[in-house]
Amino acid sequence: VIDLSNKLAPLDSSIILHSPLTRAFESAEILSSRLGIASSEQKSLTEFRNPPQIRGKAYDDPTADRLYKTWLQDLEKTEGLNSPDIENYIDLYRRAQSALEKLLDRPEKNILAVSHSELIRAIVGYVLIGDLHSPLKIRETLQSLKIGNAQTAEIIYDDAKPGWRLVL
């Protein structure tokens, strides 16, 4: 995270928004201290929501394994799961769109967001491709984007040609 703070310093961010999950919160706090800017929790930046009954369970737990396999099948449903605790690809992609819209409503111009790989891939996928309604296309998009831990993606909103752009 310290090396990452050196890379992010020139972006002149005015706030760090972070997922409420511990690893994102801790990373945001380190960045906040190193960069000298405030951080704030943003619930929309949380991890891809798998069933709560399997979170933190061992991989060899038979009940968790059964629930996980059921959830994997639900990922490709064409409609959202309509559950605040569980998401499928459609739900995740909609949340990515919503997270971007919420950023436009904020008063800060330069925002650093600390989140998780699946949501970041969904956001980058939305910026690159636009709205997708097919869970299979969303899955293909997420799997094709190679964004790992402690990697960055710079996204800007272009007022001249209204829309989000990925900066390479």
Protein backbone atom coordinates (compact mmCIF):
# COMPACT_ATOMS: atom_id res chain seq x y z
CA VAL A 1 0.00 0.00 0.00
CA ILE A 2 2.92 2.34 0.64
CA ASP A 3 4.21 1.91 -2.92
CA LEU A 4 0.66 2.44 -4.12
CA SER A 5 0.42 5.71 -2.18
CA ASN A 6 3.51 6.99 -4.04
CA LYS A 7 1.84 6.15 -7.35
CA LEU A 8 -1.44 7.82 -6.33
CA ALA A 9 0.01 11.01 -4.80
CA PRO A 10 0.19 12.92 -8.14
CA LEU A 11 -3.56 12.42 -8.71
CA ASP A 12 -4.26 15.13 -6.11
CA SER A 13 -7.32 13.37 -4.70
CA SER A 14 -9.48 15.27 -2.25
CA ILE A 15 -11.13 12.28 -0.52
CA ILE A 16 -10.79 8.51 -0.27
CA LEU A 17 -14.01 6.52 -0.43
CA HIS A 18 -13.75 2.90 0.64
CA SER A 19 -15.70 -0.29 1.03
CA PRO A 20 -16.86 -1.04 4.58
CA LEU A 21 -15.00 -4.37 4.55
CA THR A 22 -11.90 -4.58 6.74
CA ARG A 23 -9.20 -4.99 4.09
CA ALA A 24 -10.46 -2.00 2.07
CA PHE A 25 -10.90 0.10 5.22
CA GLU A 26 -7.35 -0.69 6.38
CA SER A 27 -5.91 0.12 2.94
CA ALA A 28 -7.87 3.37 2.84
CA GLU A 29 -6.61 4.35 6.30
CA ILE A 30 -2.99 3.75 5.28
CA LEU A 31 -3.50 5.76 2.09
CA SER A 32 -5.30 8.50 4.04
CA SER A 33 -2.38 8.80 6.43
CA ARG A 34 0.26 8.74 3.68
CA LEU A 35 -1.58 11.14 1.34
CA GLY A 36 -2.93 13.44 4.06
CA ILE A 37 -6.57 13.29 2.93
CA ALA A 38 -9.76 12.18 4.65
CA SER A 39 -11.40 8.83 4.04
CA SER A 40 -15.06 7.90 4.21
CA GLU A 41 -16.97 4.62 4.05
CA GLN A 42 -19.10 4.08 0.94
CA LYS A 43 -21.35 1.02 1.18
CA SER A 44 -21.79 0.82 -2.60
CA LEU A 45 -18.09 -0.06 -2.90
CA THR A 46 -18.41 -3.37 -1.04
CA GLU A 47 -17.36 -6.76 -2.40
CA PHE A 48 -19.52 -8.91 -4.72
CA ARG A 49 -22.17 -10.14 -2.28
CA ASN A 50 -22.21 -13.92 -2.03
CA PRO A 51 -24.68 -15.68 0.31
CA PRO A 52 -24.02 -14.70 3.94
CA GLN A 53 -24.29 -18.34 5.01
CA ILE A 54 -21.03 -19.14 3.19
CA ARG A 55 -18.98 -16.09 4.15
CA GLY A 56 -16.02 -17.14 6.26
CA LYS A 57 -16.81 -20.85 5.96
CA ALA A 58 -14.23 -23.50 5.09
CA TYR A 59 -14.17 -24.71 1.49
CA ASP A 60 -14.77 -28.28 2.65
CA ASP A 61 -17.94 -27.40 4.60
CA PRO A 62 -20.66 -29.41 2.78
CA THR A 63 -23.47 -26.93 3.52
CA ALA A 64 -21.38 -23.96 2.40
CA ASP A 65 -20.29 -25.86 -0.71
CA ARG A 66 -23.92 -26.62 -1.67
CA LEU A 67 -24.99 -22.99 -1.11
CA TYR A 68 -21.97 -21.74 -3.08
CA LYS A 69 -22.81 -23.99 -6.06
CA THR A 70 -26.42 -22.80 -5.99
CA TRP A 71 -25.24 -19.17 -5.93
CA LEU A 72 -22.94 -19.82 -8.91
CA GLN A 73 -25.99 -20.94 -10.88
CA ASP A 74 -27.89 -17.83 -9.75
CA LEU A 75 -25.11 -15.58 -11.08
CA GLU A 76 -26.36 -16.08 -14.62
CA LYS A 77 -30.04 -15.40 -13.98
CA THR A 78 -31.31 -12.62 -16.20
CA GLU A 79 -33.13 -10.81 -13.41
CA GLY A 80 -31.62 -9.48 -10.23
CA LEU A 81 -31.96 -11.54 -7.09
CA ASN A 82 -33.68 -8.63 -5.31
CA SER A 83 -31.86 -9.41 -2.09
CA PRO A 84 -29.82 -6.91 -0.09
CA ASP A 85 -27.50 -9.74 0.99
CA ILE A 86 -26.86 -11.64 -2.28
CA GLU A 87 -26.03 -10.51 -5.83
CA ASN A 88 -25.83 -12.03 -9.27
CA TYR A 89 -24.06 -10.52 -12.30
CA ILE A 90 -26.99 -8.24 -13.15
CA ASP A 91 -27.12 -6.94 -9.56
CA LEU A 92 -23.36 -6.36 -9.47
CA TYR A 93 -23.37 -4.52 -12.80
CA ARG A 94 -26.28 -2.31 -11.71
CA ARG A 95 -24.43 -1.50 -8.49
CA ALA A 96 -21.33 -0.56 -10.50
CA GLN A 97 -23.44 1.87 -12.55
CA SER A 98 -24.99 3.27 -9.39
CA ALA A 99 -21.57 3.73 -7.76
CA LEU A 100 -20.43 5.82 -10.74
CA GLU A 101 -23.62 7.91 -10.63
CA LYS A 102 -23.10 8.56 -6.91
CA LEU A 103 -19.58 9.81 -7.63
CA LEU A 104 -21.01 12.46 -9.98
CA ASP A 105 -23.19 13.77 -7.14
CA ARG A 106 -20.25 14.32 -4.80
CA PRO A 107 -18.75 17.80 -4.36
CA GLU A 108 -15.14 16.57 -4.57
CA LYS A 109 -13.49 16.71 -7.98
CA ASN A 110 -10.81 14.01 -7.54
CA ILE A 111 -11.92 10.93 -5.64
CA LEU A 112 -9.83 7.89 -4.80
CA ALA A 113 -11.99 4.79 -4.32
CA VAL A 114 -10.77 1.64 -2.56
CA SER A 115 -12.85 -1.39 -3.41
CA HIS A 116 -12.66 -5.04 -4.49
CA SER A 117 -11.69 -6.70 -7.76
CA GLU A 118 -15.14 -7.88 -8.93
CA LEU A 119 -16.76 -4.48 -8.42
CA ILE A 120 -13.79 -2.69 -9.97
CA ARG A 121 -14.00 -4.98 -13.00
CA ALA A 122 -17.75 -4.27 -13.25
CA ILE A 123 -17.10 -0.51 -13.14
CA VAL A 124 -14.32 -0.71 -15.74
CA GLY A 125 -16.51 -2.98 -17.89
CA TYR A 126 -19.33 -0.44 -17.74
CA VAL A 127 -16.97 2.40 -18.68
CA LEU A 128 -15.51 0.46 -21.62
CA ILE A 129 -18.61 -1.27 -22.98
CA GLY A 130 -21.62 0.52 -21.54
CA ASP A 131 -24.83 -0.99 -20.35
CA LEU A 132 -25.06 -4.77 -20.58
CA HIS A 133 -28.26 -6.70 -19.94
CA SER A 134 -26.98 -10.23 -20.49
CA PRO A 135 -25.48 -11.99 -17.46
CA LEU A 136 -23.34 -14.07 -19.82
CA LYS A 137 -21.89 -10.91 -21.43
CA ILE A 138 -21.26 -9.44 -17.99
CA ARG A 139 -19.47 -12.64 -16.89
CA GLU A 140 -17.35 -12.62 -20.07
CA THR A 141 -16.50 -8.96 -19.52
CA LEU A 142 -15.54 -9.46 -15.87
CA GLN A 143 -13.42 -12.51 -16.69
CA SER A 144 -11.61 -10.71 -19.52
CA LEU A 145 -10.53 -7.79 -17.34
CA LYS A 146 -7.40 -8.65 -15.40
CA ILE A 147 -7.44 -6.40 -12.36
CA GLY A 148 -5.87 -7.86 -9.25
CA ASN A 149 -5.22 -6.72 -5.70
CA ALA A 150 -3.49 -3.36 -5.24
CA GLN A 151 -3.90 -2.46 -8.90
CA THR A 152 -5.34 0.84 -10.04
CA ALA A 153 -7.77 1.97 -12.68
CA GLU A 154 -8.10 5.69 -13.37
CA ILE A 155 -11.53 6.73 -14.57
CA ILE A 156 -12.55 10.28 -15.40
CA TYR A 157 -15.85 11.87 -16.27
CA ASP A 158 -15.54 13.89 -19.47
CA ASP A 159 -17.86 16.93 -19.39
CA ALA A 160 -17.03 17.87 -22.99
CA LYS A 161 -18.36 14.56 -24.31
CA PRO A 162 -20.46 13.51 -21.33
CA GLY A 163 -19.43 10.08 -20.21
CA TRP A 164 -16.87 8.07 -18.30
CA ARG A 165 -13.43 7.36 -19.78
CA LEU A 166 -10.73 4.93 -18.72
CA VAL A 167 -7.29 6.54 -18.59
CA LEU A 168 -4.51 4.22 -19.72
